[in-house]
C-alpha atoms as a PDB file:
ATOM      1  CA  MET A   1      -0.736  -3.252  -8.171  1.00  0.00           C
ATOM      2  CA  GLY A   2      -1.567  -4.180  -4.583  1.00  0.00           C
ATOM      3  CA  ALA A   3      -4.794  -4.236  -2.678  1.00  0.00           C
ATOM      4  CA  GLU A   4      -6.888  -1.157  -2.126  1.00  0.00           C
ATOM      5  CA  PRO A   5      -5.910   0.526   1.149  1.00  0.00           C
ATOM      6  CA  ASP A   6      -8.706   0.370   3.730  1.00  0.00           C
ATOM      7  CA  GLU A   7     -10.184   3.882   3.764  1.00  0.00           C
ATOM      8  CA  SER A   8     -10.947   3.922   7.495  1.00  0.00           C
ATOM      9  CA  LYS A   9      -7.423   2.699   8.341  1.00  0.00           C
ATOM     10  CA  MET A  10      -5.934   5.370   6.085  1.00  0.00           C
ATOM     11  CA  TYR A  11      -8.054   8.074   7.717  1.00  0.00           C
ATOM     12  CA  PHE A  12      -6.994   6.863  11.169  1.00  0.00           C
ATOM     13  CA  THR A  13      -3.316   6.713  10.147  1.00  0.00           C
ATOM     14  CA  ILE A  14      -3.246  10.167   8.578  1.00  0.00           C
ATOM     15  CA  SER A  15      -5.155  11.702  11.500  1.00  0.00           C
ATOM     16  CA  ALA A  16      -2.669  10.140  13.923  1.00  0.00           C
ATOM     17  CA  LEU A  17       0.319  11.419  11.909  1.00  0.00           C
ATOM     18  CA  ILE A  18      -1.123  14.942  12.009  1.00  0.00           C
ATOM     19  CA  GLU A  19      -1.905  14.751  15.723  1.00  0.00           C
ATOM     20  CA  MET A  20       1.604  13.475  16.543  1.00  0.00           C
ATOM     21  CA  ASN A  21       2.957  16.808  15.291  1.00  0.00           C
ATOM     22  CA  SER A  22       1.308  18.548  18.270  1.00  0.00           C
ATOM     23  CA  LEU A  23       2.373  15.981  20.908  1.00  0.00           C
ATOM     24  CA  LYS A  24       5.265  16.395  23.323  1.00  0.00           C
ATOM     25  CA  PHE A  25       7.838  13.621  22.854  1.00  0.00           C
ATOM     26  CA  GLY A  26      11.490  13.124  22.034  1.00  0.00           C
ATOM     27  CA  GLY A  27      12.508  16.140  24.082  1.00  0.00           C
ATOM     28  CA  LYS A  28      10.406  18.571  22.033  1.00  0.00           C
ATOM     29  CA  ASN A  29       7.065  20.166  22.856  1.00  0.00           C
ATOM     30  CA  LYS A  30       5.763  19.693  19.300  1.00  0.00           C
ATOM     31  CA  GLY A  31       6.825  19.782  15.674  1.00  0.00           C
ATOM     32  CA  ARG A  32       8.569  17.690  13.072  1.00  0.00           C
ATOM     33  CA  TYR A  33       9.323  14.068  13.769  1.00  0.00           C
ATOM     34  CA  ARG A  34      10.286  10.814  12.127  1.00  0.00           C
ATOM     35  CA  ILE A  35       8.496   7.499  12.257  1.00  0.00           C
ATOM     36  CA  SER A  36      10.052   4.173  11.299  1.00  0.00           C
ATOM     37  CA  ARG A  37       8.594   2.096   8.505  1.00  0.00           C
ATOM     38  CA  ARG A  38       7.878  -0.647  11.046  1.00  0.00           C
ATOM     39  CA  ASN A  39       5.946   1.704  13.351  1.00  0.00           C
ATOM     40  CA  LEU A  40       4.024   3.169  10.415  1.00  0.00           C
ATOM     41  CA  MET A  41       3.025  -0.353   9.347  1.00  0.00           C
ATOM     42  CA  LYS A  42       1.889  -1.042  12.911  1.00  0.00           C
ATOM     43  CA  LEU A  43      -0.047   2.245  13.097  1.00  0.00           C
ATOM     44  CA  SER A  44      -1.720   1.674   9.726  1.00  0.00           C
ATOM     45  CA  GLY A  45      -2.440  -2.017  10.261  1.00  0.00           C
ATOM     46  CA  GLN A  46      -0.731  -2.795   6.944  1.00  0.00           C
ATOM     47  CA  PRO A  47       1.533  -5.850   6.539  1.00  0.00           C
ATOM     48  CA  PHE A  48       3.690  -3.773   4.149  1.00  0.00           C
ATOM     49  CA  LEU A  49       3.687  -0.234   2.782  1.00  0.00           C
ATOM     50  CA  SER A  50       3.178  -0.172  -0.964  1.00  0.00           C
ATOM     51  CA  GLU A  51       4.091   2.839  -3.074  1.00  0.00           C
ATOM     52  CA  ARG A  52       0.356   3.399  -3.466  1.00  0.00           C
ATOM     53  CA  ILE A  53      -0.175   3.650   0.308  1.00  0.00           C
ATOM     54  CA  ILE A  54       2.838   5.918   0.760  1.00  0.00           C
ATOM     55  CA  GLY A  55       1.645   8.090  -2.124  1.00  0.00           C
ATOM     56  CA  GLU A  56      -1.830   8.397  -0.640  1.00  0.00           C
ATOM     57  CA  ILE A  57      -0.373   9.419   2.721  1.00  0.00           C
ATOM     58  CA  GLN A  58       1.897  11.981   1.022  1.00  0.00           C
ATOM     59  CA  GLU A  59      -0.910  13.463  -1.051  1.00  0.00           C
ATOM     60  CA  THR A  60      -3.345  13.709   1.844  1.00  0.00           C
ATOM     61  CA  LEU A  61      -0.786  15.187   4.237  1.00  0.00           C
ATOM     62  CA  ARG A  62       0.256  17.726   1.584  1.00  0.00           C
ATOM     63  CA  GLY A  63      -3.360  18.839   1.422  1.00  0.00           C
ATOM     64  CA  GLU A  64      -3.269  19.313   5.204  1.00  0.00           C
ATOM     65  CA  GLY A  65      -0.100  21.446   5.072  1.00  0.00           C
ATOM     66  CA  PHE A  66       2.500  18.760   5.819  1.00  0.00           C
ATOM     67  CA  HIS A  67       5.287  17.020   3.940  1.00  0.00           C
ATOM     68  CA  PHE A  68       5.799  13.280   4.310  1.00  0.00           C
ATOM     69  CA  ILE A  69       9.331  12.413   3.245  1.00  0.00           C
ATOM     70  CA  GLU A  70      10.744   8.914   2.933  1.00  0.00           C
ATOM     71  CA  ILE A  71      14.317   8.645   4.199  1.00  0.00           C
ATOM     72  CA  GLY A  72      15.634   5.086   4.172  1.00  0.00           C
ATOM     73  CA  GLU A  73      13.625   3.018   6.619  1.00  0.00           C
ATOM     74  CA  ALA A  74      11.855   6.027   8.134  1.00  0.00           C
ATOM     75  CA  PHE A  75       9.537   8.853   7.204  1.00  0.00           C
ATOM     76  CA  ILE A  76       9.709  12.494   8.223  1.00  0.00           C
ATOM     77  CA  VAL A  77       6.542  14.481   8.946  1.00  0.00           C
ATOM     78  CA  ILE A  78       7.076  18.230   8.841  1.00  0.00           C
ATOM     79  CA  LYS A  79       4.821  21.249   8.324  1.00  0.00           C
ATOM     80  CA  SER A  80       5.113  22.654   4.806  1.00  0.00           C
ATOM     81  CA  ARG A  81       5.590  26.223   6.023  1.00  0.00           C
ATOM     82  CA  LEU A  82       8.890  25.252   7.671  1.00  0.00           C
ATOM     83  CA  PHE A  83      10.472  24.775   4.243  1.00  0.00           C
ATOM     84  CA  LYS A  84      10.140  28.478   3.520  1.00  0.00           C
ATOM     85  CA  ASN A  85      12.954  29.187   5.999  1.00  0.00           C
ATOM     86  CA  TYR A  86      15.555  27.105   4.160  1.00  0.00           C
ATOM     87  CA  ARG A  87      18.278  28.805   2.138  1.00  0.00           C
ATOM     88  CA  ARG A  88      17.873  28.564  -1.601  1.00  0.00           C
ATOM     89  CA  ALA A  89      20.784  27.352  -3.704  1.00  0.00           C
ATOM     90  CA  GLY A  90      20.243  29.624  -6.695  1.00  0.00           C
ATOM     91  CA  PRO A  91      22.256  30.072  -9.902  1.00  0.00           C
ATOM     92  CA  SER A  92      24.985  32.137  -8.228  1.00  0.00           C
ATOM     93  CA  VAL A  93      25.754  29.222  -5.899  1.00  0.00           C
ATOM     94  CA  ILE A  94      25.312  26.454  -8.456  1.00  0.00           C
ATOM     95  CA  ASN A  95      27.559  28.217 -10.986  1.00  0.00           C
ATOM     96  CA  ARG A  96      30.475  27.922  -8.557  1.00  0.00           C
ATOM     97  CA  PHE A  97      30.454  24.172  -9.202  1.00  0.00           C
ATOM     98  CA  ILE A  98      29.910  24.222 -12.937  1.00  0.00           C
ATOM     99  CA  GLU A  99      32.732  24.631 -15.396  1.00  0.00           C
ATOM    100  CA  ASP A 100      32.065  27.001 -18.287  1.00  0.00           C
END
């Protein structure tokens, strides 16, 4: 189950994740970025990141127009509207790989 996440820490963490999107770092003026699990634990003040904490971050960021994607030992923060520019692998593409 895990302990209840501290509401003020969660608010601080989520606000920081949103603000980081507009900061200049990593050779980019702003935009998508990744944050390591270790740095997210440090930012949030949590000794570990439970599925509950990660889920709360994901849900709250989604409501703010961002996606929070876990990839191995890191997380990606990206604006939701950026996904609209990706190509869609529809039936005509998928059928190329499926035997009838």
